[in-house]
Structure formats: C-alpha cells, structure tokens
C-alpha cells in the first residue's frame, strides 16, 4: 500500500515538474504575457477551449505555436475569412474511384489535429463559426450523418481581433459559452518590448530547441486535478459569484443591476470550479482557496456577460463588472 502511494506521489510530482517546464519554455518564447501562458496551461489541464483577443502583433498565434511545439503534437491552422465554408474546417465527403467504381470517402479537415488554431475566428460568418460547436463541446464532428471522433488530446485555440475593427462578426453567445476562458492581450511594456527585440535577434541567428513534454503528463495531471479538494464553502462562493451575474438585484447598494442585462450560464460555475482546481494544482496545493477562485474569475466570466446599453455608454467593461462582483460577494 505504501509503495503504491509513493508511486502516485512520484507521478504527481513528475507531472507537475513537466508542466512547470512547459510553462518556462513558453514564457521564454512569449515575452511579457505570463497571464496568457498560465491560462493556456489551465485550459489544457481542464480539457477546455480558449479564446485569445488582442490587437495584431500581441503574440496570440506565437503562444499557440509554441505550445504545440513544446508538446510535439499536431497543430492544425485555419485562417478564418468571409468566404470560408464549414467543410474547410471539418472536412467533407469526396468521390474517389476504387477498382473502377466510384466510392464516397471522408476527407478529414484541419480540425483532426490535437490543437486547432482558429485564427481570427470572428472574420467569418456564423455558419462557419457554428461548425466548431460540436467539436468544442463533444470532441467529435458529424458530417453527412456520420460521426467522427477527434483525438484524445484536442483543444480549439481561437484568436480574434477586437470586434470594433472592420470586417469582424460577433461570435454567437452559444459559441462564446463553449470557451472555458477568454484572455485579453495588451501590448507589452517598455522592458518587455526590448526583450522581444533581443529574442527575435537570437532566433534569427540560430534554431531554438525545446524539450518535448509528453502528452501523457497532461493526462496524468488531469487525473490529479480531479482529486483537488474544494470545500462546500468554496462551492458556495463560486455559486454566489455566478448568481450575482444573474440576480444583481441581490446587491441593491451596487450598480450591478444597471450594468447587467444577461448573466452567465451554469457552464460558468463548472468552468470556475475546474479552472480554480487546476490553478491550485499548478501552485502545488491539494485544495482550492478563495484566491484560486478569484484568480480565474475574470477569464472565465468576461465573455459570458451581456452588458446593458447604459454600461457600454459609460465605458464600463466586463472586467469592471467582475471587479464589482468580487467586491460585493463575500466568502462564506
């Protein structure tokens, strides 16, 4: 019994060490965006999908390509454009001649990779965006009445430009809800900008090598996250945060009621629980505390809120609303 427990502890520490190595390698290639790296790891550990939003040149694509290179897994890339078709993402059935007879065979699309980079996803109309819904939720796709399973390690990593930019289509609420986290990327500060210049210079001189992290460590880590303890008080805290988005009238002394039109679905509660446990595991803990919940709340909730016209007119952002919720909701 003791030997078995020691083996489990060894596997846990090894998986954690490998994930910390993965974080270090990505941070060496993506300067000044440590919150992005943390979120990528949390999404990977929770088997979720992630949406990255930022202006061009903020390392959205670079972050994803570095993650794929460090894991040594297949990366599919789709450049979303207004004329893209759903079959360009999922694949389609084509006629082929076999032994002189026409046969209908399925030709896989780029979605049949471990990681799918959906680049500038909001530059395509809704019918193409909707082609990803089944894959994001159920890890499978259906074409011509047939269902095809996706790889065991699969994640959609979508990038989008701010919707105010020309030629963008807002993502439907149903699809936004399928992203476990939405991460905002800003331009780097002065120090990080200088480091980026040095990094690109070094990459031009030599090929950068990375130590590959086995996907098996990801699966081990996912099993470990299931064992992270979240007390009833933490569950109540998560529920109270999400309910504040739906029933802001519970806080009459706060402007939440004037700011919110539609709150978050139950997927938000599930996502906060998963991400908080992943955050606790990455920090080497075996339990979730309120700081773990607060650290993931913005990324999980910011794309699941519909703000009122008054809030938008006053320049109130989703992050400001979440700040107010966290200030109002007390830990039980």
C-alpha atoms as a PDB file:
ATOM      1  CA  UNK A   1       0.000   0.000   0.000  1.00  0.00           C
ATOM      2  CA  UNK A   2       2.796   2.372   0.937  1.00  0.00           C
ATOM      3  CA  UNK A   3       4.635   1.570  -2.311  1.00  0.00           C
ATOM      4  CA  UNK A   4       1.513   2.342  -4.358  1.00  0.00           C
ATOM      5  CA  UNK A   5       1.041   5.692  -2.607  1.00  0.00           C
ATOM      6  CA  UNK A   6       4.687   6.560  -3.193  1.00  0.00           C
ATOM      7  CA  UNK A   7       4.282   5.781  -6.904  1.00  0.00           C
ATOM      8  CA  UNK A   8       1.217   8.040  -7.089  1.00  0.00           C
ATOM      9  CA  UNK A   9       3.061  10.882  -5.370  1.00  0.00           C
ATOM     10  CA  UNK A  10       6.004  10.384  -7.730  1.00  0.00           C
ATOM     11  CA  UNK A  11       3.742  10.548 -10.795  1.00  0.00           C
ATOM     12  CA  UNK A  12       2.082  13.676  -9.437  1.00  0.00           C
ATOM     13  CA  UNK A  13       5.358  15.464  -8.750  1.00  0.00           C
ATOM     14  CA  UNK A  14       6.712  14.394 -12.142  1.00  0.00           C
ATOM     15  CA  UNK A  15       3.628  15.679 -13.956  1.00  0.00           C
ATOM     16  CA  UNK A  16       3.792  18.979 -12.053  1.00  0.00           C
ATOM     17  CA  UNK A  17       7.506  19.341 -12.850  1.00  0.00           C
ATOM     18  CA  UNK A  18       6.805  18.721 -16.542  1.00  0.00           C
ATOM     19  CA  UNK A  19       4.004  21.298 -16.603  1.00  0.00           C
ATOM     20  CA  UNK A  20       6.273  23.830 -14.903  1.00  0.00           C
ATOM     21  CA  UNK A  21       8.911  23.097 -17.556  1.00  0.00           C
ATOM     22  CA  UNK A  22       6.277  23.613 -20.243  1.00  0.00           C
ATOM     23  CA  UNK A  23       5.378  26.974 -18.706  1.00  0.00           C
ATOM     24  CA  UNK A  24       9.032  28.028 -18.591  1.00  0.00           C
ATOM     25  CA  UNK A  25       9.594  27.120 -22.235  1.00  0.00           C
ATOM     26  CA  UNK A  26       6.563  29.035 -23.453  1.00  0.00           C
ATOM     27  CA  UNK A  27       7.473  32.094 -21.365  1.00  0.00           C
ATOM     28  CA  UNK A  28      10.933  32.106 -22.941  1.00  0.00           C
ATOM     29  CA  UNK A  29       9.304  32.459 -26.354  1.00  0.00           C
ATOM     30  CA  UNK A  30       6.379  34.698 -25.396  1.00  0.00           C
ATOM     31  CA  UNK A  31       7.694  37.760 -23.583  1.00  0.00           C
ATOM     32  CA  UNK A  32       5.596  39.840 -21.199  1.00  0.00           C
ATOM     33  CA  UNK A  33       2.441  37.700 -21.411  1.00  0.00           C
ATOM     34  CA  UNK A  34       2.726  35.428 -18.371  1.00  0.00           C
ATOM     35  CA  UNK A  35      -1.031  35.562 -17.731  1.00  0.00           C
ATOM     36  CA  UNK A  36      -1.570  34.151 -21.226  1.00  0.00           C
ATOM     37  CA  UNK A  37       0.784  31.255 -20.553  1.00  0.00           C
ATOM     38  CA  UNK A  38      -0.959  30.459 -17.256  1.00  0.00           C
ATOM     39  CA  UNK A  39      -4.338  30.471 -18.989  1.00  0.00           C
ATOM     40  CA  UNK A  40      -3.136  28.211 -21.803  1.00  0.00           C
ATOM     41  CA  UNK A  41      -1.960  25.660 -19.243  1.00  0.00           C
ATOM     42  CA  UNK A  42      -5.204  25.839 -17.273  1.00  0.00           C
ATOM     43  CA  UNK A  43      -7.265  25.344 -20.441  1.00  0.00           C
ATOM     44  CA  UNK A  44      -5.060  22.406 -21.415  1.00  0.00           C
ATOM     45  CA  UNK A  45      -5.410  20.802 -17.975  1.00  0.00           C
ATOM     46  CA  UNK A  46      -9.185  21.250 -17.882  1.00  0.00           C
ATOM     47  CA  UNK A  47      -9.708  19.902 -21.414  1.00  0.00           C
ATOM     48  CA  UNK A  48     -11.211  23.233 -22.396  1.00  0.00           C
ATOM     49  CA  UNK A  49     -11.055  25.620 -25.330  1.00  0.00           C
ATOM     50  CA  UNK A  50      -9.627  29.120 -25.133  1.00  0.00           C
ATOM     51  CA  UNK A  51     -10.273  32.437 -26.881  1.00  0.00           C
ATOM     52  CA  UNK A  52      -7.471  34.976 -27.204  1.00  0.00           C
ATOM     53  CA  UNK A  53      -8.391  38.557 -28.049  1.00  0.00           C
ATOM     54  CA  UNK A  54      -5.934  41.301 -28.821  1.00  0.00           C
ATOM     55  CA  UNK A  55      -4.653  43.672 -31.443  1.00  0.00           C
ATOM     56  CA  UNK A  56      -2.353  42.318 -34.174  1.00  0.00           C
ATOM     57  CA  UNK A  57       1.174  41.590 -33.008  1.00  0.00           C
ATOM     58  CA  UNK A  58       0.371  40.687 -29.398  1.00  0.00           C
ATOM     59  CA  UNK A  59       1.742  37.113 -29.680  1.00  0.00           C
ATOM     60  CA  UNK A  60      -1.600  35.305 -29.941  1.00  0.00           C
ATOM     61  CA  UNK A  61      -0.510  32.958 -32.728  1.00  0.00           C
ATOM     62  CA  UNK A  62       3.027  32.677 -31.378  1.00  0.00           C
ATOM     63  CA  UNK A  63       1.752  31.481 -27.993  1.00  0.00           C
ATOM     64  CA  UNK A  64      -0.255  28.693 -29.579  1.00  0.00           C
ATOM     65  CA  UNK A  65       2.501  27.568 -31.941  1.00  0.00           C
ATOM     66  CA  UNK A  66       4.984  27.473 -29.059  1.00  0.00           C
ATOM     67  CA  UNK A  67       2.587  25.332 -27.017  1.00  0.00           C
ATOM     68  CA  UNK A  68       2.219  22.859 -29.880  1.00  0.00           C
ATOM     69  CA  UNK A  69       5.975  22.713 -30.463  1.00  0.00           C
ATOM     70  CA  UNK A  70       6.692  22.064 -26.781  1.00  0.00           C
ATOM     71  CA  UNK A  71       4.144  19.248 -26.655  1.00  0.00           C
ATOM     72  CA  UNK A  72       5.250  17.853 -30.046  1.00  0.00           C
ATOM     73  CA  UNK A  73       1.621  17.414 -31.121  1.00  0.00           C
ATOM     74  CA  UNK A  74      -0.169  18.072 -34.389  1.00  0.00           C
ATOM     75  CA  UNK A  75      -1.274  21.658 -34.926  1.00  0.00           C
ATOM     76  CA  UNK A  76      -3.950  22.472 -37.474  1.00  0.00           C
ATOM     77  CA  UNK A  77      -4.458  26.052 -38.563  1.00  0.00           C
ATOM     78  CA  UNK A  78      -7.453  27.652 -40.221  1.00  0.00           C
ATOM     79  CA  UNK A  79      -7.346  31.266 -41.333  1.00  0.00           C
ATOM     80  CA  UNK A  80     -10.938  32.392 -40.972  1.00  0.00           C
ATOM     81  CA  UNK A  81     -12.080  34.601 -43.853  1.00  0.00           C
ATOM     82  CA  UNK A  82     -15.520  35.771 -45.037  1.00  0.00           C
ATOM     83  CA  UNK A  83     -15.608  33.175 -47.851  1.00  0.00           C
ATOM     84  CA  UNK A  84     -14.642  30.183 -45.660  1.00  0.00           C
ATOM     85  CA  UNK A  85     -17.005  27.185 -45.735  1.00  0.00           C
ATOM     86  CA  UNK A  86     -17.786  24.800 -42.848  1.00  0.00           C
ATOM     87  CA  UNK A  87     -16.294  21.914 -44.849  1.00  0.00           C
ATOM     88  CA  UNK A  88     -12.991  23.807 -44.972  1.00  0.00           C
ATOM     89  CA  UNK A  89     -12.812  23.246 -41.210  1.00  0.00           C
ATOM     90  CA  UNK A  90     -14.421  19.862 -40.634  1.00  0.00           C
ATOM     91  CA  UNK A  91     -13.650  18.096 -43.913  1.00  0.00           C
ATOM     92  CA  UNK A  92     -16.057  16.671 -46.463  1.00  0.00           C
ATOM     93  CA  UNK A  93     -17.003  13.546 -48.364  1.00  0.00           C
ATOM     94  CA  UNK A  94     -15.422  13.247 -51.808  1.00  0.00           C
ATOM     95  CA  UNK A  95     -15.855  10.802 -54.650  1.00  0.00           C
ATOM     96  CA  UNK A  96     -12.896   8.592 -55.422  1.00  0.00           C
ATOM     97  CA  UNK A  97     -12.550   5.789 -57.924  1.00  0.00           C
ATOM     98  CA  UNK A  98     -11.559   2.467 -56.344  1.00  0.00           C
ATOM     99  CA  UNK A  99     -11.183  -0.593 -58.602  1.00  0.00           C
ATOM    100  CA  UNK A 100     -13.078   1.214 -61.299  1.00  0.00           C
ATOM    101  CA  UNK A 101     -16.019   2.042 -59.024  1.00  0.00           C
ATOM    102  CA  UNK A 102     -16.910   5.426 -57.537  1.00  0.00           C
ATOM    103  CA  UNK A 103     -16.662   5.425 -53.729  1.00  0.00           C
ATOM    104  CA  UNK A 104     -17.654   8.190 -51.336  1.00  0.00           C
ATOM    105  CA  UNK A 105     -14.873   8.694 -48.761  1.00  0.00           C
ATOM    106  CA  UNK A 106     -14.427  11.211 -45.983  1.00  0.00           C
ATOM    107  CA  UNK A 107     -11.517  13.592 -46.338  1.00  0.00           C
ATOM    108  CA  UNK A 108     -10.529  14.976 -42.946  1.00  0.00           C
ATOM    109  CA  UNK A 109     -10.245  18.708 -42.413  1.00  0.00           C
ATOM    110  CA  UNK A 110      -7.743  20.565 -40.234  1.00  0.00           C
ATOM    111  CA  UNK A 111      -9.933  20.020 -37.179  1.00  0.00           C
ATOM    112  CA  UNK A 112      -8.494  16.490 -36.955  1.00  0.00           C
ATOM    113  CA  UNK A 113      -5.392  17.655 -35.120  1.00  0.00           C
ATOM    114  CA  UNK A 114      -4.518  17.788 -31.438  1.00  0.00           C
ATOM    115  CA  UNK A 115      -4.572  21.579 -31.393  1.00  0.00           C
ATOM    116  CA  UNK A 116      -6.638  23.678 -33.783  1.00  0.00           C
ATOM    117  CA  UNK A 117      -5.616  27.289 -34.252  1.00  0.00           C
ATOM    118  CA  UNK A 118      -8.732  29.125 -35.390  1.00  0.00           C
ATOM    119  CA  UNK A 119      -7.038  32.327 -36.465  1.00  0.00           C
ATOM    120  CA  UNK A 120      -9.172  35.494 -36.471  1.00  0.00           C
ATOM    121  CA  UNK A 121     -12.281  33.402 -35.879  1.00  0.00           C
ATOM    122  CA  UNK A 122     -14.555  36.439 -35.902  1.00  0.00           C
ATOM    123  CA  UNK A 123     -13.755  37.281 -39.523  1.00  0.00           C
ATOM    124  CA  UNK A 124     -16.081  34.517 -40.751  1.00  0.00           C
ATOM    125  CA  UNK A 125     -19.891  34.451 -40.680  1.00  0.00           C
ATOM    126  CA  UNK A 126     -21.863  32.483 -38.093  1.00  0.00           C
ATOM    127  CA  UNK A 127     -22.373  29.311 -40.175  1.00  0.00           C
ATOM    128  CA  UNK A 128     -18.615  28.657 -40.207  1.00  0.00           C
ATOM    129  CA  UNK A 129     -18.187  29.509 -36.537  1.00  0.00           C
ATOM    130  CA  UNK A 130     -21.035  27.108 -35.748  1.00  0.00           C
ATOM    131  CA  UNK A 131     -19.162  24.270 -37.453  1.00  0.00           C
ATOM    132  CA  UNK A 132     -16.900  24.177 -34.397  1.00  0.00           C
ATOM    133  CA  UNK A 133     -19.657  23.862 -31.784  1.00  0.00           C
ATOM    134  CA  UNK A 134     -19.938  20.065 -31.716  1.00  0.00           C
ATOM    135  CA  UNK A 135     -16.164  19.631 -31.743  1.00  0.00           C
ATOM    136  CA  UNK A 136     -15.667  22.076 -28.872  1.00  0.00           C
ATOM    137  CA  UNK A 137     -18.327  20.503 -26.667  1.00  0.00           C
ATOM    138  CA  UNK A 138     -18.313  16.790 -27.515  1.00  0.00           C
ATOM    139  CA  UNK A 139     -14.897  16.243 -29.130  1.00  0.00           C
ATOM    140  CA  UNK A 140     -16.491  14.853 -32.277  1.00  0.00           C
ATOM    141  CA  UNK A 141     -17.979  16.092 -35.546  1.00  0.00           C
ATOM    142  CA  UNK A 142     -20.879  14.893 -37.675  1.00  0.00           C
ATOM    143  CA  UNK A 143     -20.673  15.060 -41.466  1.00  0.00           C
ATOM    144  CA  UNK A 144     -23.359  13.637 -43.773  1.00  0.00           C
ATOM    145  CA  UNK A 145     -24.962  11.801 -40.859  1.00  0.00           C
ATOM    146  CA  UNK A 146     -21.738  10.088 -39.752  1.00  0.00           C
ATOM    147  CA  UNK A 147     -19.922  10.866 -36.505  1.00  0.00           C
ATOM    148  CA  UNK A 148     -16.124  11.052 -36.346  1.00  0.00           C
ATOM    149  CA  UNK A 149     -14.186  11.144 -33.089  1.00  0.00           C
ATOM    150  CA  UNK A 150     -11.441  13.705 -32.588  1.00  0.00           C
ATOM    151  CA  UNK A 151      -8.052  12.941 -30.934  1.00  0.00           C
ATOM    152  CA  UNK A 152      -7.995  12.328 -27.179  1.00  0.00           C
ATOM    153  CA  UNK A 153      -5.855  15.426 -26.728  1.00  0.00           C
ATOM    154  CA  UNK A 154      -7.824  18.114 -28.547  1.00  0.00           C
ATOM    155  CA  UNK A 155      -8.275  21.815 -27.972  1.00  0.00           C
ATOM    156  CA  UNK A 156      -9.550  24.743 -30.009  1.00  0.00           C
ATOM    157  CA  UNK A 157      -7.410  27.833 -29.561  1.00  0.00           C
ATOM    158  CA  UNK A 158      -9.141  30.718 -31.274  1.00  0.00           C
ATOM    159  CA  UNK A 159      -7.845  34.224 -31.808  1.00  0.00           C
ATOM    160  CA  UNK A 160      -9.898  37.263 -32.583  1.00  0.00           C
ATOM    161  CA  UNK A 161      -9.367  40.942 -33.112  1.00  0.00           C
ATOM    162  CA  UNK A 162     -11.461  43.390 -31.086  1.00  0.00           C
ATOM    163  CA  UNK A 163     -14.954  43.433 -32.593  1.00  0.00           C
ATOM    164  CA  UNK A 164     -14.740  47.163 -33.186  1.00  0.00           C
ATOM    165  CA  UNK A 165     -12.293  46.511 -36.018  1.00  0.00           C
ATOM    166  CA  UNK A 166     -13.510  46.497 -39.610  1.00  0.00           C
ATOM    167  CA  UNK A 167     -14.642  43.184 -41.116  1.00  0.00           C
ATOM    168  CA  UNK A 168     -15.430  41.316 -37.897  1.00  0.00           C
ATOM    169  CA  UNK A 169     -18.522  39.320 -36.946  1.00  0.00           C
ATOM    170  CA  UNK A 170     -19.513  38.954 -33.273  1.00  0.00           C
ATOM    171  CA  UNK A 171     -19.374  35.326 -32.122  1.00  0.00           C
ATOM    172  CA  UNK A 172     -22.792  33.912 -31.143  1.00  0.00           C
ATOM    173  CA  UNK A 173     -23.424  33.566 -27.401  1.00  0.00           C
ATOM    174  CA  UNK A 174     -23.722  29.756 -27.670  1.00  0.00           C
ATOM    175  CA  UNK A 175     -20.217  29.523 -29.069  1.00  0.00           C
ATOM    176  CA  UNK A 176     -18.724  32.023 -26.638  1.00  0.00           C
ATOM    177  CA  UNK A 177     -20.056  29.855 -23.818  1.00  0.00           C
ATOM    178  CA  UNK A 178     -18.036  26.893 -25.154  1.00  0.00           C
ATOM    179  CA  UNK A 179     -14.752  28.664 -24.480  1.00  0.00           C
ATOM    180  CA  UNK A 180     -13.685  27.897 -20.940  1.00  0.00           C
ATOM    181  CA  UNK A 181     -11.671  31.126 -20.818  1.00  0.00           C
ATOM    182  CA  UNK A 182     -11.275  34.337 -22.754  1.00  0.00           C
ATOM    183  CA  UNK A 183      -7.902  36.050 -22.460  1.00  0.00           C
ATOM    184  CA  UNK A 184      -7.223  39.677 -23.332  1.00  0.00           C
ATOM    185  CA  UNK A 185      -3.759  40.532 -24.627  1.00  0.00           C
ATOM    186  CA  UNK A 186      -2.294  44.010 -24.404  1.00  0.00           C
ATOM    187  CA  UNK A 187       0.831  45.475 -25.936  1.00  0.00           C
ATOM    188  CA  UNK A 188       3.977  44.794 -23.866  1.00  0.00           C
ATOM    189  CA  UNK A 189       5.588  47.409 -21.651  1.00  0.00           C
ATOM    190  CA  UNK A 190       8.938  49.088 -22.330  1.00  0.00           C
ATOM    191  CA  UNK A 191      11.107  46.400 -20.732  1.00  0.00           C
ATOM    192  CA  UNK A 192       9.271  43.525 -22.423  1.00  0.00           C
ATOM    193  CA  UNK A 193       9.465  45.288 -25.801  1.00  0.00           C
ATOM    194  CA  UNK A 194      13.237  45.424 -25.527  1.00  0.00           C
ATOM    195  CA  UNK A 195      13.394  41.724 -24.605  1.00  0.00           C
ATOM    196  CA  UNK A 196      11.249  40.886 -27.638  1.00  0.00           C
ATOM    197  CA  UNK A 197      13.774  42.579 -29.930  1.00  0.00           C
ATOM    198  CA  UNK A 198      16.603  40.563 -28.372  1.00  0.00           C
ATOM    199  CA  UNK A 199      14.589  37.333 -28.655  1.00  0.00           C
ATOM    200  CA  UNK A 200      13.895  37.815 -32.356  1.00  0.00           C
ATOM    201  CA  UNK A 201      17.573  38.615 -32.971  1.00  0.00           C
ATOM    202  CA  UNK A 202      18.631  35.369 -31.272  1.00  0.00           C
ATOM    203  CA  UNK A 203      16.063  33.377 -33.247  1.00  0.00           C
ATOM    204  CA  UNK A 204      17.396  34.783 -36.496  1.00  0.00           C
ATOM    205  CA  UNK A 205      20.891  33.561 -35.618  1.00  0.00           C
ATOM    206  CA  UNK A 206      20.049  30.017 -34.558  1.00  0.00           C
ATOM    207  CA  UNK A 207      17.228  27.495 -34.408  1.00  0.00           C
ATOM    208  CA  UNK A 208      15.583  27.440 -30.990  1.00  0.00           C
ATOM    209  CA  UNK A 209      15.283  23.985 -29.437  1.00  0.00           C
ATOM    210  CA  UNK A 210      12.787  22.899 -26.811  1.00  0.00           C
ATOM    211  CA  UNK A 211      12.430  19.838 -24.630  1.00  0.00           C
ATOM    212  CA  UNK A 212       9.294  17.996 -25.662  1.00  0.00           C
ATOM    213  CA  UNK A 213       6.696  17.349 -22.977  1.00  0.00           C
ATOM    214  CA  UNK A 214       4.834  14.061 -23.407  1.00  0.00           C
ATOM    215  CA  UNK A 215       1.028  14.407 -23.673  1.00  0.00           C
ATOM    216  CA  UNK A 216       0.865  11.566 -21.142  1.00  0.00           C
ATOM    217  CA  UNK A 217       1.886  14.080 -18.490  1.00  0.00           C
ATOM    218  CA  UNK A 218      -1.173  16.143 -19.439  1.00  0.00           C
ATOM    219  CA  UNK A 219      -3.463  13.152 -18.924  1.00  0.00           C
ATOM    220  CA  UNK A 220      -1.794  12.371 -15.586  1.00  0.00           C
ATOM    221  CA  UNK A 221      -2.237  15.975 -14.487  1.00  0.00           C
ATOM    222  CA  UNK A 222      -5.916  15.908 -15.463  1.00  0.00           C
ATOM    223  CA  UNK A 223      -6.429  12.866 -13.240  1.00  0.00           C
ATOM    224  CA  UNK A 224      -4.681  14.640 -10.400  1.00  0.00           C
ATOM    225  CA  UNK A 225      -6.861  17.729 -10.737  1.00  0.00           C
ATOM    226  CA  UNK A 226      -9.943  15.589 -10.103  1.00  0.00           C
ATOM    227  CA  UNK A 227      -8.550  14.873  -6.628  1.00  0.00           C
ATOM    228  CA  UNK A 228      -8.084  18.527  -5.658  1.00  0.00           C
ATOM    229  CA  UNK A 229     -10.465  19.278  -2.787  1.00  0.00           C
ATOM    230  CA  UNK A 230     -12.966  22.120  -2.962  1.00  0.00           C
ATOM    231  CA  UNK A 231     -14.906  22.626   0.259  1.00  0.00           C
ATOM    232  CA  UNK A 232     -18.610  23.400   0.438  1.00  0.00           C
ATOM    233  CA  UNK A 233     -17.685  26.988   1.329  1.00  0.00           C
ATOM    234  CA  UNK A 234     -15.727  27.294  -1.934  1.00  0.00           C
ATOM    235  CA  UNK A 235     -18.609  25.810  -3.921  1.00  0.00           C
ATOM    236  CA  UNK A 236     -20.990  28.285  -2.281  1.00  0.00           C
ATOM    237  CA  UNK A 237     -18.583  31.116  -3.136  1.00  0.00           C
ATOM    238  CA  UNK A 238     -18.475  30.079  -6.798  1.00  0.00           C
ATOM    239  CA  UNK A 239     -22.262  29.824  -6.945  1.00  0.00           C
ATOM    240  CA  UNK A 240     -22.672  33.242  -5.313  1.00  0.00           C
ATOM    241  CA  UNK A 241     -20.333  34.849  -7.862  1.00  0.00           C
ATOM    242  CA  UNK A 242     -22.223  33.386 -10.816  1.00  0.00           C
ATOM    243  CA  UNK A 243     -25.632  34.138  -9.310  1.00  0.00           C
ATOM    244  CA  UNK A 244     -24.569  37.769  -8.887  1.00  0.00           C
ATOM    245  CA  UNK A 245     -24.409  37.991 -12.685  1.00  0.00           C
ATOM    246  CA  UNK A 246     -27.983  36.675 -12.980  1.00  0.00           C
ATOM    247  CA  UNK A 247     -29.600  38.285  -9.952  1.00  0.00           C
ATOM    248  CA  UNK A 248     -27.744  41.581  -9.432  1.00  0.00           C
ATOM    249  CA  UNK A 249     -30.782  42.897  -7.504  1.00  0.00           C
ATOM    250  CA  UNK A 250     -29.436  40.922  -4.545  1.00  0.00           C
ATOM    251  CA  UNK A 251     -26.904  43.738  -4.190  1.00  0.00           C
ATOM    252  CA  UNK A 252     -29.061  46.906  -4.116  1.00  0.00           C
ATOM    253  CA  UNK A 253     -26.180  49.114  -2.979  1.00  0.00           C
ATOM    254  CA  UNK A 254     -24.184  48.196  -6.078  1.00  0.00           C
ATOM    255  CA  UNK A 255     -24.565  49.387  -9.704  1.00  0.00           C
ATOM    256  CA  UNK A 256     -24.612  45.763 -10.925  1.00  0.00           C
ATOM    257  CA  UNK A 257     -28.333  45.889 -11.688  1.00  0.00           C
ATOM    258  CA  UNK A 258     -27.819  48.834 -14.036  1.00  0.00           C
ATOM    259  CA  UNK A 259     -24.815  47.225 -15.720  1.00  0.00           C
ATOM    260  CA  UNK A 260     -26.022  43.695 -16.479  1.00  0.00           C
ATOM    261  CA  UNK A 261     -28.607  42.528 -18.983  1.00  0.00           C
ATOM    262  CA  UNK A 262     -27.833  38.795 -19.164  1.00  0.00           C
ATOM    263  CA  UNK A 263     -25.741  36.787 -16.731  1.00  0.00           C
ATOM    264  CA  UNK A 264     -23.654  33.632 -17.030  1.00  0.00           C
ATOM    265  CA  UNK A 265     -24.930  30.115 -17.658  1.00  0.00           C
ATOM    266  CA  UNK A 266     -24.197  27.067 -15.457  1.00  0.00           C
ATOM    267  CA  UNK A 267     -21.175  26.433 -17.697  1.00  0.00           C
ATOM    268  CA  UNK A 268     -19.566  29.381 -15.919  1.00  0.00           C
ATOM    269  CA  UNK A 269     -19.906  27.719 -12.493  1.00  0.00           C
ATOM    270  CA  UNK A 270     -18.469  24.476 -13.858  1.00  0.00           C
ATOM    271  CA  UNK A 271     -15.627  26.343 -15.555  1.00  0.00           C
ATOM    272  CA  UNK A 272     -14.677  28.334 -12.443  1.00  0.00           C
ATOM    273  CA  UNK A 273     -14.576  25.117 -10.410  1.00  0.00           C
ATOM    274  CA  UNK A 274     -12.387  23.340 -12.979  1.00  0.00           C
ATOM    275  CA  UNK A 275     -10.043  26.262 -13.517  1.00  0.00           C
ATOM    276  CA  UNK A 276      -9.679  27.010  -9.798  1.00  0.00           C
ATOM    277  CA  UNK A 277      -8.736  23.377  -9.140  1.00  0.00           C
ATOM    278  CA  UNK A 278      -6.219  23.488 -11.991  1.00  0.00           C
ATOM    279  CA  UNK A 279      -4.784  26.718 -10.597  1.00  0.00           C
ATOM    280  CA  UNK A 280      -4.437  25.156  -7.153  1.00  0.00           C
ATOM    281  CA  UNK A 281      -2.712  22.093  -8.643  1.00  0.00           C
ATOM    282  CA  UNK A 282      -0.259  24.247 -10.594  1.00  0.00           C
ATOM    283  CA  UNK A 283       0.566  26.017  -7.327  1.00  0.00           C
ATOM    284  CA  UNK A 284       1.348  22.672  -5.692  1.00  0.00           C
ATOM    285  CA  UNK A 285      -1.711  22.624  -3.417  1.00  0.00           C
ATOM    286  CA  UNK A 286      -4.249  19.857  -2.855  1.00  0.00           C
ATOM    287  CA  UNK A 287      -7.166  22.182  -2.064  1.00  0.00           C
ATOM    288  CA  UNK A 288      -8.846  25.259  -3.542  1.00  0.00           C
ATOM    289  CA  UNK A 289      -8.875  28.537  -1.652  1.00  0.00           C
ATOM    290  CA  UNK A 290     -10.728  31.801  -2.470  1.00  0.00           C
ATOM    291  CA  UNK A 291      -7.628  33.277  -4.141  1.00  0.00           C
ATOM    292  CA  UNK A 292      -7.690  30.438  -6.702  1.00  0.00           C
ATOM    293  CA  UNK A 293     -11.309  31.266  -7.496  1.00  0.00           C
ATOM    294  CA  UNK A 294     -10.637  34.992  -7.812  1.00  0.00           C
ATOM    295  CA  UNK A 295      -7.572  34.413  -9.997  1.00  0.00           C
ATOM    296  CA  UNK A 296      -9.639  32.710 -12.716  1.00  0.00           C
ATOM    297  CA  UNK A 297     -12.935  34.596 -12.367  1.00  0.00           C
ATOM    298  CA  UNK A 298     -12.199  37.302 -14.929  1.00  0.00           C
ATOM    299  CA  UNK A 299     -11.011  34.904 -17.634  1.00  0.00           C
ATOM    300  CA  UNK A 300     -13.990  32.602 -17.143  1.00  0.00           C
ATOM    301  CA  UNK A 301     -16.711  35.253 -16.882  1.00  0.00           C
ATOM    302  CA  UNK A 302     -15.727  38.169 -19.116  1.00  0.00           C
ATOM    303  CA  UNK A 303     -17.129  36.602 -22.323  1.00  0.00           C
ATOM    304  CA  UNK A 304     -20.257  35.272 -20.627  1.00  0.00           C
ATOM    305  CA  UNK A 305     -21.792  38.605 -19.644  1.00  0.00           C
ATOM    306  CA  UNK A 306     -24.104  40.826 -21.669  1.00  0.00           C
ATOM    307  CA  UNK A 307     -23.752  44.412 -20.516  1.00  0.00           C
ATOM    308  CA  UNK A 308     -26.553  46.950 -20.643  1.00  0.00           C
ATOM    309  CA  UNK A 309     -26.599  49.872 -23.041  1.00  0.00           C
ATOM    310  CA  UNK A 310     -26.024  52.255 -20.136  1.00  0.00           C
ATOM    311  CA  UNK A 311     -22.918  50.356 -19.053  1.00  0.00           C
ATOM    312  CA  UNK A 312     -21.488  50.369 -22.564  1.00  0.00           C
ATOM    313  CA  UNK A 313     -22.298  54.051 -22.975  1.00  0.00           C
ATOM    314  CA  UNK A 314     -20.459  54.815 -19.740  1.00  0.00           C
ATOM    315  CA  UNK A 315     -17.411  52.806 -20.834  1.00  0.00           C
ATOM    316  CA  UNK A 316     -17.951  50.050 -18.259  1.00  0.00           C
ATOM    317  CA  UNK A 317     -16.100  46.889 -19.245  1.00  0.00           C
ATOM    318  CA  UNK A 318     -16.855  43.268 -18.379  1.00  0.00           C
ATOM    319  CA  UNK A 319     -13.729  43.225 -16.203  1.00  0.00           C
ATOM    320  CA  UNK A 320     -15.013  46.226 -14.238  1.00  0.00           C
ATOM    321  CA  UNK A 321     -18.301  44.406 -13.654  1.00  0.00           C
ATOM    322  CA  UNK A 322     -16.441  41.319 -12.400  1.00  0.00           C
ATOM    323  CA  UNK A 323     -14.332  43.521 -10.117  1.00  0.00           C
ATOM    324  CA  UNK A 324     -17.530  44.835  -8.596  1.00  0.00           C
ATOM    325  CA  UNK A 325     -18.962  41.323  -8.196  1.00  0.00           C
ATOM    326  CA  UNK A 326     -15.845  40.107  -6.402  1.00  0.00           C
ATOM    327  CA  UNK A 327     -16.033  43.148  -4.136  1.00  0.00           C
ATOM    328  CA  UNK A 328     -19.690  42.516  -3.299  1.00  0.00           C
ATOM    329  CA  UNK A 329     -19.660  38.722  -2.881  1.00  0.00           C
ATOM    330  CA  UNK A 330     -18.213  37.571   0.426  1.00  0.00           C
ATOM    331  CA  UNK A 331     -16.648  34.215   1.155  1.00  0.00           C
ATOM    332  CA  UNK A 332     -18.979  32.117   3.304  1.00  0.00           C
END
